[in-house]
Amino acid sequence: MMRMMIVFLFVFLAGCQNETTARKVDIYNGSGDMIGTAAFSEGKDGVNIKVKVTGLKPGPHGIHIHEIPSCKGPDFKSAGNHLNPEGKKHGLMNQDGAHLGDLPNIQADGSGKADADLTVSGATMKEGKKSLLNKAGSSIVITEDPDDGMTEPSGDSGQRIACGELNVEKNKKGKSPSDPTDIKEKKQGE
């Protein structure tokens, strides 16, 4: 009986840990249309993010984690600044950087679709100074232009054009009925 209780407790705790270390976030454009998703999961070297979006202009775009889980369009300034718990300078190429929320650019293909695997190095989905879920959470923001990796405060990456909220509580807007990137893939594959 005791052995069964220990196994049950272990399974229960493992299930709770998965709840906090993996999240899927819907990403919306400035008009409020869902354009894709970002799946966050705890990794060995930080938080891994699988981004799938559509409706971007072809070419590179900056993408960052911001400090506030708020995506009020059309400008998404409600997301605040880049997540920067250690007060570093902006940019993955800056020797005094980077912000925790600085990420490599994503590339949209000729049809405006971007599919990228990114890592927020040193970050966690668990408790701690570098948690993406500290306080209320954070946001993932895509910009109009690429991040140059150096310029303060945001890499000269242009306007914020898409945003998704990573809330401590489950996604406030709920699970969308379908992911637009999946619909386009199905239509192309049919």
N, C-alpha and C. Protein backbone atom coordinates (compact mmCIF):
# COMPACT_ATOMS: atom_id res chain seq x y z
N MET A 1 0.82 -1.20 0.00
CA MET A 1 0.00 0.00 0.00
C MET A 1 0.87 1.26 0.00
N MET A 2 1.90 1.27 0.83
CA MET A 2 2.79 2.42 0.90
C MET A 2 3.50 2.63 -0.44
N ARG A 3 3.92 1.54 -1.06
CA ARG A 3 4.59 1.62 -2.35
C ARG A 3 3.66 2.23 -3.41
N MET A 4 2.39 1.85 -3.38
CA MET A 4 1.41 2.40 -4.33
C MET A 4 1.23 3.90 -4.10
N MET A 5 1.22 4.33 -2.85
CA MET A 5 1.05 5.75 -2.55
C MET A 5 2.26 6.54 -3.05
N ILE A 6 3.46 5.99 -2.91
CA ILE A 6 4.67 6.67 -3.37
C ILE A 6 4.65 6.80 -4.89
N VAL A 7 4.27 5.73 -5.58
CA VAL A 7 4.18 5.77 -7.04
C VAL A 7 3.13 6.79 -7.47
N PHE A 8 1.98 6.80 -6.82
CA PHE A 8 0.93 7.77 -7.15
C PHE A 8 1.43 9.19 -6.93
N LEU A 9 2.08 9.45 -5.81
CA LEU A 9 2.60 10.78 -5.52
C LEU A 9 3.62 11.21 -6.56
N PHE A 10 4.51 10.30 -6.96
CA PHE A 10 5.52 10.61 -7.98
C PHE A 10 4.85 10.96 -9.30
N VAL A 11 3.87 10.17 -9.72
CA VAL A 11 3.16 10.42 -10.98
C VAL A 11 2.41 11.75 -10.90
N PHE A 12 1.78 12.02 -9.76
CA PHE A 12 1.05 13.27 -9.59
C PHE A 12 1.99 14.47 -9.67
N LEU A 13 3.12 14.40 -8.97
CA LEU A 13 4.08 15.51 -9.00
C LEU A 13 4.69 15.69 -10.38
N ALA A 14 4.96 14.61 -11.08
CA ALA A 14 5.50 14.71 -12.44
C ALA A 14 4.47 15.39 -13.34
N GLY A 15 3.21 15.07 -13.18
CA GLY A 15 2.15 15.71 -13.96
C GLY A 15 2.03 17.19 -13.67
N CYS A 16 2.17 17.55 -12.40
CA CYS A 16 2.13 18.97 -12.02
C CYS A 16 3.32 19.72 -12.62
N GLN A 17 4.49 19.09 -12.62
CA GLN A 17 5.67 19.75 -13.17
C GLN A 17 5.49 19.99 -14.66
N ASN A 18 4.94 19.04 -15.39
CA ASN A 18 4.71 19.24 -16.83
C ASN A 18 3.76 20.40 -17.08
N GLU A 19 2.82 20.60 -16.15
CA GLU A 19 1.86 21.69 -16.28
C GLU A 19 2.57 23.03 -16.30
N THR A 20 3.63 23.20 -15.50
CA THR A 20 4.29 24.49 -15.41
C THR A 20 5.48 24.60 -16.36
N THR A 21 5.96 23.51 -16.92
CA THR A 21 7.16 23.58 -17.75
C THR A 21 6.87 23.45 -19.24
N ALA A 22 5.61 23.45 -19.61
CA ALA A 22 5.25 23.41 -21.03
C ALA A 22 3.95 24.18 -21.22
N ARG A 23 3.96 25.09 -22.17
CA ARG A 23 2.77 25.89 -22.49
C ARG A 23 2.71 26.15 -23.98
N LYS A 24 1.50 26.26 -24.50
CA LYS A 24 1.31 26.67 -25.89
C LYS A 24 0.54 27.99 -25.89
N VAL A 25 1.04 28.96 -26.62
CA VAL A 25 0.50 30.32 -26.63
C VAL A 25 0.03 30.65 -28.04
N ASP A 26 -1.14 31.25 -28.14
CA ASP A 26 -1.63 31.75 -29.43
C ASP A 26 -1.01 33.11 -29.70
N ILE A 27 -0.63 33.35 -30.95
CA ILE A 27 -0.03 34.62 -31.36
C ILE A 27 -1.01 35.35 -32.27
N TYR A 28 -1.22 36.65 -31.96
CA TYR A 28 -2.18 37.47 -32.68
C TYR A 28 -1.50 38.65 -33.35
N ASN A 29 -2.03 39.09 -34.50
CA ASN A 29 -1.52 40.29 -35.16
C ASN A 29 -2.23 41.51 -34.59
N GLY A 30 -1.89 42.70 -35.06
CA GLY A 30 -2.45 43.94 -34.56
C GLY A 30 -3.94 44.10 -34.78
N SER A 31 -4.51 43.33 -35.69
CA SER A 31 -5.96 43.36 -35.95
C SER A 31 -6.72 42.39 -35.06
N GLY A 32 -5.98 41.61 -34.26
CA GLY A 32 -6.63 40.64 -33.38
C GLY A 32 -6.84 39.27 -34.01
N ASP A 33 -6.25 39.03 -35.19
CA ASP A 33 -6.38 37.74 -35.85
C ASP A 33 -5.30 36.80 -35.35
N MET A 34 -5.67 35.57 -35.04
CA MET A 34 -4.66 34.58 -34.65
C MET A 34 -3.86 34.20 -35.88
N ILE A 35 -2.53 34.33 -35.78
CA ILE A 35 -1.67 34.02 -36.93
C ILE A 35 -0.74 32.84 -36.66
N GLY A 36 -0.81 32.26 -35.47
CA GLY A 36 0.04 31.11 -35.18
C GLY A 36 0.17 30.83 -33.71
N THR A 37 1.20 30.05 -33.38
CA THR A 37 1.41 29.62 -32.01
C THR A 37 2.89 29.61 -31.65
N ALA A 38 3.13 29.59 -30.34
CA ALA A 38 4.47 29.38 -29.81
C ALA A 38 4.34 28.35 -28.70
N ALA A 39 5.06 27.25 -28.82
CA ALA A 39 5.03 26.19 -27.81
C ALA A 39 6.31 26.30 -26.98
N PHE A 40 6.16 26.56 -25.69
CA PHE A 40 7.27 26.72 -24.75
C PHE A 40 7.46 25.43 -23.97
N SER A 41 8.72 25.01 -23.81
CA SER A 41 9.00 23.83 -22.98
C SER A 41 10.37 23.97 -22.32
N GLU A 42 10.46 23.43 -21.12
CA GLU A 42 11.71 23.46 -20.37
C GLU A 42 12.72 22.57 -21.08
N GLY A 43 13.92 23.09 -21.30
CA GLY A 43 14.98 22.33 -21.96
C GLY A 43 16.21 22.27 -21.08
N LYS A 44 17.22 21.59 -21.57
CA LYS A 44 18.47 21.42 -20.82
C LYS A 44 19.21 22.75 -20.66
N ASP A 45 19.21 23.59 -21.69
CA ASP A 45 19.98 24.83 -21.67
C ASP A 45 19.12 26.09 -21.54
N GLY A 46 17.84 25.91 -21.33
CA GLY A 46 16.93 27.05 -21.23
C GLY A 46 15.53 26.64 -21.63
N VAL A 47 14.75 27.60 -22.08
CA VAL A 47 13.38 27.33 -22.52
C VAL A 47 13.37 27.25 -24.04
N ASN A 48 12.90 26.12 -24.54
CA ASN A 48 12.78 25.92 -25.99
C ASN A 48 11.44 26.46 -26.46
N ILE A 49 11.44 27.10 -27.62
CA ILE A 49 10.21 27.65 -28.19
C ILE A 49 10.09 27.19 -29.63
N LYS A 50 8.96 26.58 -29.96
CA LYS A 50 8.64 26.20 -31.33
C LYS A 50 7.61 27.21 -31.83
N VAL A 51 8.04 28.09 -32.75
CA VAL A 51 7.19 29.16 -33.27
C VAL A 51 6.70 28.77 -34.65
N LYS A 52 5.38 28.87 -34.86
CA LYS A 52 4.77 28.65 -36.17
C LYS A 52 3.78 29.78 -36.41
N VAL A 53 4.11 30.66 -37.36
CA VAL A 53 3.23 31.79 -37.68
C VAL A 53 3.09 31.94 -39.19
N THR A 54 2.05 32.63 -39.57
CA THR A 54 1.80 32.93 -40.97
C THR A 54 1.33 34.37 -41.08
N GLY A 55 1.33 34.93 -42.29
CA GLY A 55 0.83 36.28 -42.49
C GLY A 55 1.88 37.37 -42.29
N LEU A 56 3.16 36.99 -42.22
CA LEU A 56 4.23 37.98 -42.10
C LEU A 56 4.70 38.38 -43.49
N LYS A 57 5.36 39.54 -43.59
CA LYS A 57 5.98 39.88 -44.87
C LYS A 57 7.20 38.96 -45.01
N PRO A 58 7.51 38.51 -46.21
CA PRO A 58 8.68 37.63 -46.40
C PRO A 58 9.96 38.31 -45.92
N GLY A 59 10.84 37.49 -45.32
CA GLY A 59 12.12 38.00 -44.83
C GLY A 59 12.29 37.83 -43.34
N PRO A 60 13.38 38.38 -42.79
CA PRO A 60 13.66 38.21 -41.37
C PRO A 60 12.84 39.16 -40.49
N HIS A 61 12.55 38.69 -39.28
CA HIS A 61 11.80 39.46 -38.28
C HIS A 61 12.43 39.24 -36.92
N GLY A 62 12.48 40.32 -36.12
CA GLY A 62 12.91 40.19 -34.74
C GLY A 62 11.84 39.49 -33.93
N ILE A 63 12.27 38.79 -32.90
CA ILE A 63 11.34 38.13 -31.98
C ILE A 63 11.98 38.19 -30.60
N HIS A 64 11.19 38.56 -29.62
CA HIS A 64 11.71 38.76 -28.27
C HIS A 64 10.70 38.31 -27.23
N ILE A 65 11.20 38.01 -26.03
CA ILE A 65 10.34 37.78 -24.88
C ILE A 65 10.26 39.11 -24.14
N HIS A 66 9.04 39.56 -23.85
CA HIS A 66 8.82 40.82 -23.15
C HIS A 66 8.36 40.56 -21.71
N GLU A 67 8.47 41.57 -20.87
CA GLU A 67 8.33 41.43 -19.43
C GLU A 67 6.89 41.35 -18.91
N ILE A 68 5.89 41.69 -19.70
CA ILE A 68 4.51 41.73 -19.22
C ILE A 68 3.63 40.85 -20.12
N PRO A 69 2.79 40.00 -19.52
CA PRO A 69 1.90 39.17 -20.34
C PRO A 69 0.66 39.93 -20.78
N SER A 70 0.85 40.90 -21.66
CA SER A 70 -0.25 41.72 -22.14
C SER A 70 -0.02 42.05 -23.61
N CYS A 71 -1.01 41.74 -24.44
CA CYS A 71 -0.89 41.95 -25.89
C CYS A 71 -2.06 42.79 -26.40
N LYS A 72 -2.08 44.05 -26.01
CA LYS A 72 -3.14 44.95 -26.48
C LYS A 72 -2.69 45.58 -27.79
N GLY A 73 -3.40 45.21 -28.87
CA GLY A 73 -3.06 45.73 -30.18
C GLY A 73 -3.60 47.12 -30.37
N PRO A 74 -3.22 47.78 -31.42
CA PRO A 74 -2.43 47.21 -32.50
C PRO A 74 -0.92 47.30 -32.30
N ASP A 75 -0.45 48.05 -31.27
CA ASP A 75 1.00 48.27 -31.15
C ASP A 75 1.71 47.37 -30.14
N PHE A 76 0.97 46.67 -29.29
CA PHE A 76 1.50 45.72 -28.30
C PHE A 76 2.50 46.35 -27.33
N LYS A 77 2.43 47.67 -27.14
CA LYS A 77 3.31 48.32 -26.16
C LYS A 77 2.98 47.88 -24.75
N SER A 78 1.79 47.33 -24.55
CA SER A 78 1.39 46.83 -23.24
C SER A 78 2.28 45.69 -22.76
N ALA A 79 3.04 45.07 -23.67
CA ALA A 79 3.95 43.97 -23.30
C ALA A 79 5.20 44.47 -22.58
N GLY A 80 5.39 45.78 -22.54
CA GLY A 80 6.55 46.35 -21.85
C GLY A 80 7.84 46.16 -22.63
N ASN A 81 8.95 46.17 -21.92
CA ASN A 81 10.28 46.04 -22.52
C ASN A 81 10.68 44.57 -22.63
N HIS A 82 11.83 44.34 -23.25
CA HIS A 82 12.37 42.98 -23.30
C HIS A 82 12.60 42.49 -21.87
N LEU A 83 12.41 41.20 -21.67
CA LEU A 83 12.67 40.59 -20.37
C LEU A 83 14.17 40.69 -20.10
N ASN A 84 14.53 41.35 -18.99
CA ASN A 84 15.94 41.66 -18.73
C ASN A 84 16.19 41.69 -17.21
N PRO A 85 16.04 40.55 -16.53
CA PRO A 85 16.16 40.54 -15.07
C PRO A 85 17.56 40.87 -14.55
N GLU A 86 18.57 40.82 -15.39
CA GLU A 86 19.93 41.10 -14.93
C GLU A 86 20.45 42.47 -15.38
N GLY A 87 19.62 43.29 -16.01
CA GLY A 87 19.99 44.63 -16.39
C GLY A 87 21.11 44.71 -17.43
N LYS A 88 21.12 43.77 -18.37
CA LYS A 88 22.16 43.76 -19.41
C LYS A 88 21.78 44.67 -20.57
N LYS A 89 22.70 44.88 -21.49
CA LYS A 89 22.47 45.65 -22.71
C LYS A 89 21.74 44.78 -23.72
N HIS A 90 21.14 45.42 -24.72
CA HIS A 90 20.42 44.68 -25.76
C HIS A 90 21.37 44.03 -26.76
N GLY A 91 20.98 42.86 -27.21
CA GLY A 91 21.59 42.27 -28.39
C GLY A 91 22.43 41.04 -28.17
N LEU A 92 22.16 40.03 -28.98
CA LEU A 92 22.93 38.79 -28.92
C LEU A 92 24.38 38.99 -29.33
N MET A 93 24.67 40.07 -30.06
CA MET A 93 26.04 40.35 -30.49
C MET A 93 26.73 41.39 -29.60
N ASN A 94 26.04 41.90 -28.61
CA ASN A 94 26.57 42.93 -27.72
C ASN A 94 27.41 42.27 -26.63
N GLN A 95 28.65 42.66 -26.47
CA GLN A 95 29.51 42.03 -25.46
C GLN A 95 29.04 42.35 -24.04
N ASP A 96 28.18 43.36 -23.86
CA ASP A 96 27.60 43.67 -22.56
C ASP A 96 26.17 43.15 -22.46
N GLY A 97 25.76 42.32 -23.37
CA GLY A 97 24.39 41.81 -23.43
C GLY A 97 24.41 40.32 -23.18
N ALA A 98 23.33 39.76 -23.35
CA ALA A 98 22.10 40.22 -23.97
C ALA A 98 20.98 40.20 -22.94
N HIS A 99 19.85 40.84 -23.29
CA HIS A 99 18.66 40.69 -22.47
C HIS A 99 18.30 39.20 -22.46
N LEU A 100 17.70 38.74 -21.39
CA LEU A 100 17.24 37.35 -21.35
C LEU A 100 16.25 37.11 -22.49
N GLY A 101 15.45 38.11 -22.82
CA GLY A 101 14.42 37.98 -23.85
C GLY A 101 14.89 38.15 -25.28
N ASP A 102 16.19 38.40 -25.50
CA ASP A 102 16.71 38.54 -26.86
C ASP A 102 16.83 37.16 -27.52
N LEU A 103 16.31 37.06 -28.73
CA LEU A 103 16.32 35.80 -29.49
C LEU A 103 16.85 36.05 -30.89
N PRO A 104 17.30 34.99 -31.57
CA PRO A 104 17.69 35.15 -32.99
C PRO A 104 16.47 35.49 -33.84
N ASN A 105 16.69 36.19 -34.94
CA ASN A 105 15.60 36.52 -35.86
C ASN A 105 14.96 35.25 -36.41
N ILE A 106 13.69 35.38 -36.78
CA ILE A 106 13.02 34.30 -37.50
C ILE A 106 12.90 34.72 -38.96
N GLN A 107 12.75 33.76 -39.85
CA GLN A 107 12.70 34.01 -41.29
C GLN A 107 11.34 33.59 -41.83
N ALA A 108 10.61 34.53 -42.43
CA ALA A 108 9.35 34.21 -43.10
C ALA A 108 9.64 33.90 -44.56
N ASP A 109 9.08 32.81 -45.05
CA ASP A 109 9.31 32.43 -46.45
C ASP A 109 8.48 33.32 -47.38
N GLY A 110 8.51 33.02 -48.67
CA GLY A 110 7.82 33.83 -49.67
C GLY A 110 6.33 33.93 -49.47
N SER A 111 5.75 32.97 -48.76
CA SER A 111 4.31 33.02 -48.49
C SER A 111 3.99 33.67 -47.15
N GLY A 112 5.03 34.12 -46.41
CA GLY A 112 4.81 34.79 -45.13
C GLY A 112 4.77 33.87 -43.94
N LYS A 113 5.16 32.62 -44.15
CA LYS A 113 5.13 31.64 -43.08
C LYS A 113 6.51 31.51 -42.44
N ALA A 114 6.54 31.46 -41.12
CA ALA A 114 7.79 31.23 -40.38
C ALA A 114 7.59 30.04 -39.44
N ASP A 115 8.56 29.16 -39.43
CA ASP A 115 8.55 27.97 -38.60
C ASP A 115 9.95 27.88 -37.99
N ALA A 116 10.08 28.16 -36.69
CA ALA A 116 11.40 28.27 -36.09
C ALA A 116 11.47 27.56 -34.74
N ASP A 117 12.64 27.01 -34.46
CA ASP A 117 12.95 26.44 -33.15
C ASP A 117 13.96 27.36 -32.49
N LEU A 118 13.60 27.93 -31.34
CA LEU A 118 14.44 28.89 -30.64
C LEU A 118 14.69 28.43 -29.21
N THR A 119 15.73 28.97 -28.58
CA THR A 119 16.00 28.69 -27.17
C THR A 119 16.29 30.00 -26.45
N VAL A 120 15.59 30.21 -25.34
CA VAL A 120 15.88 31.33 -24.45
C VAL A 120 16.93 30.80 -23.48
N SER A 121 18.20 31.01 -23.82
CA SER A 121 19.31 30.44 -23.05
C SER A 121 19.30 30.92 -21.61
N GLY A 122 19.41 29.97 -20.69
CA GLY A 122 19.47 30.27 -19.27
C GLY A 122 18.13 30.51 -18.61
N ALA A 123 17.05 30.57 -19.39
CA ALA A 123 15.72 30.82 -18.83
C ALA A 123 15.11 29.52 -18.32
N THR A 124 14.04 29.66 -17.56
CA THR A 124 13.31 28.51 -17.04
C THR A 124 11.81 28.81 -17.05
N MET A 125 11.03 27.75 -16.98
CA MET A 125 9.58 27.87 -16.80
C MET A 125 9.24 27.61 -15.33
N LYS A 126 10.24 27.25 -14.55
CA LYS A 126 10.07 27.01 -13.13
C LYS A 126 10.32 28.31 -12.38
N GLU A 127 10.29 28.26 -11.06
CA GLU A 127 10.55 29.45 -10.25
C GLU A 127 12.00 29.88 -10.38
N GLY A 128 12.24 31.16 -10.22
CA GLY A 128 13.60 31.68 -10.24
C GLY A 128 13.68 33.02 -10.91
N LYS A 129 14.83 33.67 -10.75
CA LYS A 129 15.06 35.01 -11.29
C LYS A 129 14.88 35.05 -12.81
N LYS A 130 15.26 33.96 -13.49
CA LYS A 130 15.20 33.91 -14.95
C LYS A 130 13.98 33.15 -15.47
N SER A 131 12.93 33.12 -14.68
CA SER A 131 11.71 32.42 -15.08
C SER A 131 10.89 33.27 -16.04
N LEU A 132 10.36 32.64 -17.09
CA LEU A 132 9.45 33.32 -18.00
C LEU A 132 8.07 33.47 -17.38
N LEU A 133 7.86 32.79 -16.23
CA LEU A 133 6.57 32.83 -15.56
C LEU A 133 6.63 33.58 -14.23
N ASN A 134 7.70 34.37 -13.98
CA ASN A 134 7.76 35.19 -12.77
C ASN A 134 6.61 36.16 -12.76
N LYS A 135 6.17 36.50 -11.57
CA LYS A 135 5.05 37.43 -11.39
C LYS A 135 3.85 36.91 -12.17
N ALA A 136 3.41 37.62 -13.18
CA ALA A 136 2.22 37.21 -13.94
C ALA A 136 2.56 36.44 -15.20
N GLY A 137 3.83 36.50 -15.66
CA GLY A 137 4.24 35.83 -16.88
C GLY A 137 5.02 36.76 -17.78
N SER A 138 4.94 36.53 -19.09
CA SER A 138 5.67 37.33 -20.08
C SER A 138 4.93 37.26 -21.41
N SER A 139 5.49 37.88 -22.43
CA SER A 139 4.90 37.85 -23.78
C SER A 139 5.97 37.53 -24.80
N ILE A 140 5.54 36.97 -25.92
CA ILE A 140 6.43 36.78 -27.06
C ILE A 140 5.96 37.77 -28.13
N VAL A 141 6.89 38.58 -28.65
CA VAL A 141 6.55 39.65 -29.58
C VAL A 141 7.39 39.52 -30.85
N ILE A 142 6.72 39.62 -32.00
CA ILE A 142 7.39 39.61 -33.30
C ILE A 142 7.37 41.03 -33.84
N THR A 143 8.50 41.45 -34.43
CA THR A 143 8.60 42.80 -34.97
C THR A 143 8.62 42.80 -36.49
N GLU A 144 8.36 43.97 -37.03
CA GLU A 144 8.26 44.18 -38.47
C GLU A 144 9.58 43.90 -39.21
N ASP A 145 10.69 44.27 -38.60
CA ASP A 145 12.01 44.16 -39.23
C ASP A 145 12.92 43.27 -38.40
N PRO A 146 14.08 42.90 -38.94
CA PRO A 146 15.01 42.07 -38.16
C PRO A 146 15.69 42.87 -37.06
N ASP A 147 16.10 42.18 -36.02
CA ASP A 147 16.88 42.74 -34.92
C ASP A 147 18.34 42.75 -35.37
N ASP A 148 19.03 43.90 -35.26
CA ASP A 148 20.42 43.99 -35.69
C ASP A 148 21.40 43.42 -34.66
N GLY A 149 20.91 42.99 -33.50
CA GLY A 149 21.75 42.34 -32.50
C GLY A 149 22.56 43.26 -31.62
N MET A 150 22.42 44.58 -31.78
CA MET A 150 23.24 45.52 -31.00
C MET A 150 22.50 46.78 -30.53
N THR A 151 21.73 47.40 -31.39
CA THR A 151 21.17 48.73 -31.12
C THR A 151 20.22 48.71 -29.92
N GLU A 152 20.43 49.67 -29.00
CA GLU A 152 19.54 49.85 -27.85
C GLU A 152 18.26 50.55 -28.30
N PRO A 153 17.10 50.28 -27.74
CA PRO A 153 16.88 49.22 -26.77
C PRO A 153 16.36 47.92 -27.38
N SER A 154 16.07 47.92 -28.71
CA SER A 154 15.41 46.73 -29.27
C SER A 154 15.96 46.30 -30.62
N GLY A 155 17.18 46.65 -30.93
CA GLY A 155 17.80 46.16 -32.16
C GLY A 155 17.33 46.81 -33.43
N ASP A 156 16.72 48.01 -33.33
CA ASP A 156 16.24 48.72 -34.52
C ASP A 156 15.34 47.82 -35.36
N SER A 157 14.46 47.08 -34.66
CA SER A 157 13.66 46.05 -35.33
C SER A 157 12.27 46.50 -35.74
N GLY A 158 11.98 47.78 -35.64
CA GLY A 158 10.71 48.29 -36.15
C GLY A 158 9.54 48.05 -35.23
N GLN A 159 8.36 48.23 -35.79
CA GLN A 159 7.11 48.12 -35.04
C GLN A 159 6.84 46.69 -34.57
N ARG A 160 6.16 46.57 -33.45
CA ARG A 160 5.69 45.27 -32.96
C ARG A 160 4.47 44.90 -33.79
N ILE A 161 4.48 43.73 -34.41
CA ILE A 161 3.38 43.37 -35.31
C ILE A 161 2.59 42.15 -34.87
N ALA A 162 3.10 41.39 -33.90
CA ALA A 162 2.38 40.21 -33.41
C ALA A 162 2.80 39.93 -31.98
N CYS A 163 1.88 39.31 -31.22
CA CYS A 163 2.14 39.12 -29.80
C CYS A 163 1.33 37.94 -29.27
N GLY A 164 1.92 37.23 -28.31
CA GLY A 164 1.25 36.15 -27.61
C GLY A 164 1.56 36.23 -26.13
N GLU A 165 0.57 36.01 -25.28
CA GLU A 165 0.72 36.11 -23.83
C GLU A 165 1.06 34.77 -23.21
N LEU A 166 2.14 34.73 -22.45
CA LEU A 166 2.53 33.56 -21.67
C LEU A 166 2.17 33.87 -20.22
N ASN A 167 0.98 33.50 -19.83
CA ASN A 167 0.45 33.81 -18.50
C ASN A 167 0.80 32.72 -17.50
N VAL A 168 0.92 33.13 -16.22
CA VAL A 168 1.11 32.17 -15.15
C VAL A 168 -0.08 31.23 -15.15
N GLU A 169 -1.28 31.79 -15.29
CA GLU A 169 -2.48 30.97 -15.45
C GLU A 169 -2.55 30.57 -16.91
N LYS A 170 -3.30 29.55 -17.22
CA LYS A 170 -3.43 29.10 -18.61
C LYS A 170 -3.85 30.26 -19.50
N ASN A 171 -3.55 30.15 -20.79
CA ASN A 171 -3.83 31.18 -21.78
C ASN A 171 -5.25 31.73 -21.58
N LYS A 172 -5.36 33.03 -21.28
CA LYS A 172 -6.64 33.66 -20.98
C LYS A 172 -7.64 33.56 -22.11
N LYS A 173 -7.17 33.62 -23.33
CA LYS A 173 -8.09 33.58 -24.47
C LYS A 173 -8.56 32.17 -24.77
N GLY A 174 -7.96 31.19 -24.09
CA GLY A 174 -8.37 29.82 -24.30
C GLY A 174 -7.77 29.24 -25.56
N LYS A 175 -7.98 27.97 -25.74
CA LYS A 175 -7.45 27.28 -26.91
C LYS A 175 -8.27 27.65 -28.13
N SER A 176 -7.62 28.07 -29.14
CA SER A 176 -8.30 28.42 -30.38
C SER A 176 -8.80 27.15 -31.07
N PRO A 177 -9.87 27.27 -31.83
CA PRO A 177 -10.41 26.09 -32.49
C PRO A 177 -9.44 25.48 -33.50
N SER A 178 -8.60 26.30 -34.09
CA SER A 178 -7.62 25.77 -35.02
C SER A 178 -6.45 26.73 -35.15
N ASP A 179 -5.33 26.18 -35.49
CA ASP A 179 -4.12 26.96 -35.70
C ASP A 179 -4.04 27.28 -37.19
N PRO A 180 -3.98 28.56 -37.57
CA PRO A 180 -3.99 28.91 -39.00
C PRO A 180 -2.82 28.31 -39.77
N THR A 181 -1.70 28.05 -39.10
CA THR A 181 -0.58 27.45 -39.82
C THR A 181 -0.89 26.00 -40.17
N ASP A 182 -1.69 25.32 -39.34
CA ASP A 182 -2.09 23.95 -39.64
C ASP A 182 -3.08 23.92 -40.81
N ILE A 183 -3.99 24.87 -40.86
CA ILE A 183 -4.99 24.91 -41.93
C ILE A 183 -4.30 25.07 -43.28
N LYS A 184 -3.34 26.00 -43.36
CA LYS A 184 -2.63 26.21 -44.63
C LYS A 184 -1.84 24.98 -45.03
N GLU A 185 -1.22 24.29 -44.04
CA GLU A 185 -0.46 23.09 -44.36
C GLU A 185 -1.37 22.01 -44.90
N LYS A 186 -2.58 21.86 -44.30
CA LYS A 186 -3.52 20.84 -44.76
C LYS A 186 -3.97 21.13 -46.18
N LYS A 187 -4.26 22.40 -46.47
CA LYS A 187 -4.72 22.77 -47.80
C LYS A 187 -3.64 22.49 -48.84
N GLN A 188 -2.39 22.79 -48.50
CA GLN A 188 -1.29 22.56 -49.44
C GLN A 188 -1.04 21.06 -49.63
N GLY A 189 -1.25 20.27 -48.57
CA GLY A 189 -0.97 18.84 -48.63
C GLY A 189 -2.10 18.01 -49.19
N GLU A 190 -3.28 18.58 -49.36
CA GLU A 190 -4.43 17.81 -49.85
C GLU A 190 -4.33 17.46 -51.30
